[in-house]
Amino acid sequence: MRTCLVVDPSNVVRKVACRILESMQYMTGEAETGPQAMEKCMAQMPDAILLDGHMPDVVATEFLASLRALPNGGKPTILYCTTENDSSELARALAAGADDYILKPFDRESIRLKLTSAALKS
C-alpha cells in the first residue's frame, strides 16, 4: 500500500487531507512540525508528502532541500501546499525539491490529479 505523510501545523488540514488520501488507498501519517516530519521520514520514507509551505518552525524550502539530501530522499512525490499563487514562492519550492504544488483548499480530485501527474513525470 502506498504511504503519504501530511505535514501541516493545522490539525484540521491534516485530518481532511488524511481522509482524502485514505479514500485513495494511501496509508497516511501526520506531522505537525518540520522536525517531526524529518524524524518520520528518516524512520521510513513515505511514497508521497503533502508539505505545508508556511510552517511556523521551519522554512519549507530548507526542509525540502534537507529531505532530498537524505538517503532515499528522492523517493517521495512532494506536493507543496500553499494558499497563495505566488509564482516566485512556487519556483523556490520546485527548485528546492517539490515535485508540484497544490493550492489550499484542496479536494480529492486536485490531490489525485497532482499525485498522478507528478508520478508520470518521474
Protein backbone atom coordinates (compact mmCIF):
# COMPACT_ATOMS: atom_id res chain seq x y z
CA MET A 1 0.00 0.00 0.00
CA ARG A 2 1.25 3.49 -0.85
CA THR A 3 2.09 5.83 2.02
CA CYS A 4 1.71 9.58 2.39
CA LEU A 5 2.90 11.90 5.15
CA VAL A 6 0.80 15.02 5.70
CA VAL A 7 2.90 17.85 7.16
CA ASP A 8 0.85 20.83 8.33
CA PRO A 9 0.57 22.79 11.59
CA SER A 10 -3.25 22.69 11.35
CA ASN A 11 -4.89 19.62 12.85
CA VAL A 12 -7.97 20.23 10.69
CA VAL A 13 -5.97 20.34 7.45
CA ARG A 14 -4.08 17.18 8.41
CA LYS A 15 -7.30 15.30 9.22
CA VAL A 16 -9.05 16.39 6.00
CA ALA A 17 -6.01 15.50 3.89
CA CYS A 18 -5.66 12.11 5.58
CA ARG A 19 -9.33 11.28 4.96
CA ILE A 20 -8.94 12.21 1.29
CA LEU A 21 -5.74 10.19 0.91
CA GLU A 22 -7.17 7.18 2.73
CA SER A 23 -10.11 7.21 0.29
CA MET A 24 -7.45 6.94 -2.42
CA GLN A 25 -5.97 3.84 -0.75
CA TYR A 26 -2.98 5.59 0.88
CA MET A 27 -1.80 4.69 4.35
CA THR A 28 -1.28 8.08 6.00
CA GLY A 29 0.88 9.59 8.67
CA GLU A 30 0.84 13.06 10.15
CA ALA A 31 3.43 15.57 11.33
CA GLU A 32 2.66 18.95 12.86
CA THR A 33 6.20 20.32 12.61
CA GLY A 34 9.21 20.11 10.35
CA PRO A 35 11.33 18.22 12.90
CA GLN A 36 8.53 15.67 13.41
CA ALA A 37 8.26 15.22 9.65
CA MET A 38 12.01 14.76 9.24
CA GLU A 39 12.07 12.19 12.05
CA LYS A 40 9.26 10.21 10.41
CA CYS A 41 10.95 10.37 7.00
CA MET A 42 14.25 9.19 8.46
CA ALA A 43 12.47 6.24 10.12
CA GLN A 44 10.54 5.30 6.97
CA MET A 45 10.46 7.35 3.79
CA PRO A 46 6.88 7.71 2.52
CA ASP A 47 5.85 7.44 -1.12
CA ALA A 48 4.33 10.93 -1.04
CA ILE A 49 4.36 14.03 1.16
CA LEU A 50 1.90 16.91 1.35
CA LEU A 51 4.03 19.73 2.75
CA ASP A 52 2.57 22.98 4.04
CA GLY A 53 4.52 25.90 2.63
CA HIS A 54 4.15 28.10 5.70
CA MET A 55 5.08 26.11 8.76
CA PRO A 56 5.98 28.25 11.78
CA ASP A 57 9.03 26.24 12.85
CA VAL A 58 10.91 25.63 9.59
CA VAL A 59 11.35 27.22 6.18
CA ALA A 60 9.69 24.82 3.76
CA THR A 61 12.39 25.18 1.09
CA GLU A 62 15.08 24.31 3.65
CA PHE A 63 13.06 21.28 4.72
CA LEU A 64 12.74 20.21 1.07
CA ALA A 65 16.48 20.53 0.44
CA SER A 66 17.33 18.61 3.64
CA LEU A 67 14.85 15.87 2.83
CA ARG A 68 16.09 15.44 -0.74
CA ALA A 69 19.66 15.13 0.61
CA LEU A 70 18.73 12.10 2.74
CA PRO A 71 19.38 8.56 1.55
CA ASN A 72 16.22 7.64 -0.38
CA GLY A 73 15.20 11.33 -0.20
CA GLY A 74 14.46 11.33 -3.89
CA LYS A 75 11.75 8.69 -3.43
CA PRO A 76 8.68 10.64 -2.30
CA THR A 77 6.47 12.69 -4.55
CA ILE A 78 6.24 16.01 -2.72
CA LEU A 79 3.32 18.38 -3.16
CA TYR A 80 3.99 21.84 -1.79
CA CYS A 81 0.71 23.12 -0.29
CA THR A 82 0.02 26.84 -0.18
CA THR A 83 -2.84 29.32 -0.06
CA GLU A 84 -1.18 31.79 -2.41
CA ASN A 85 -0.49 31.50 -6.11
CA ASP A 86 2.83 33.35 -5.82
CA SER A 87 4.99 32.35 -8.78
CA SER A 88 8.30 33.23 -7.09
CA GLU A 89 7.41 31.21 -3.98
CA LEU A 90 6.35 28.26 -6.11
CA ALA A 91 9.53 28.47 -8.19
CA ARG A 92 11.64 28.38 -5.00
CA ALA A 93 9.72 25.32 -3.74
CA LEU A 94 10.13 23.49 -7.04
CA ALA A 95 13.84 24.36 -7.17
CA ALA A 96 14.29 23.09 -3.60
CA GLY A 97 12.79 19.70 -4.42
CA ALA A 98 8.99 19.83 -4.59
CA ASP A 99 7.55 17.85 -7.48
CA ASP A 100 4.48 20.05 -7.82
CA TYR A 101 2.28 22.37 -5.80
CA ILE A 102 -1.34 22.38 -4.76
CA LEU A 103 -3.45 25.32 -3.66
CA LYS A 104 -5.49 25.20 -0.47
CA PRO A 105 -8.27 24.46 -0.02
CA PHE A 106 -7.69 21.23 -1.89
CA ASP A 107 -10.08 18.40 -2.63
CA ARG A 108 -9.81 14.74 -3.55
CA GLU A 109 -9.70 15.35 -7.29
CA SER A 110 -6.98 18.02 -7.12
CA ILE A 111 -4.78 15.79 -4.94
CA ARG A 112 -5.38 12.79 -7.21
CA LEU A 113 -4.51 14.78 -10.34
CA LYS A 114 -1.35 16.28 -8.83
CA LEU A 115 -0.08 12.95 -7.46
CA THR A 116 -0.79 11.19 -10.75
CA SER A 117 0.84 13.95 -12.78
CA ALA A 118 3.93 14.07 -10.57
CA ALA A 119 4.30 10.27 -10.72
CA LEU A 120 4.18 10.35 -14.51
CA LYS A 121 6.95 12.96 -14.62
CA SER A 122 9.34 10.81 -12.60
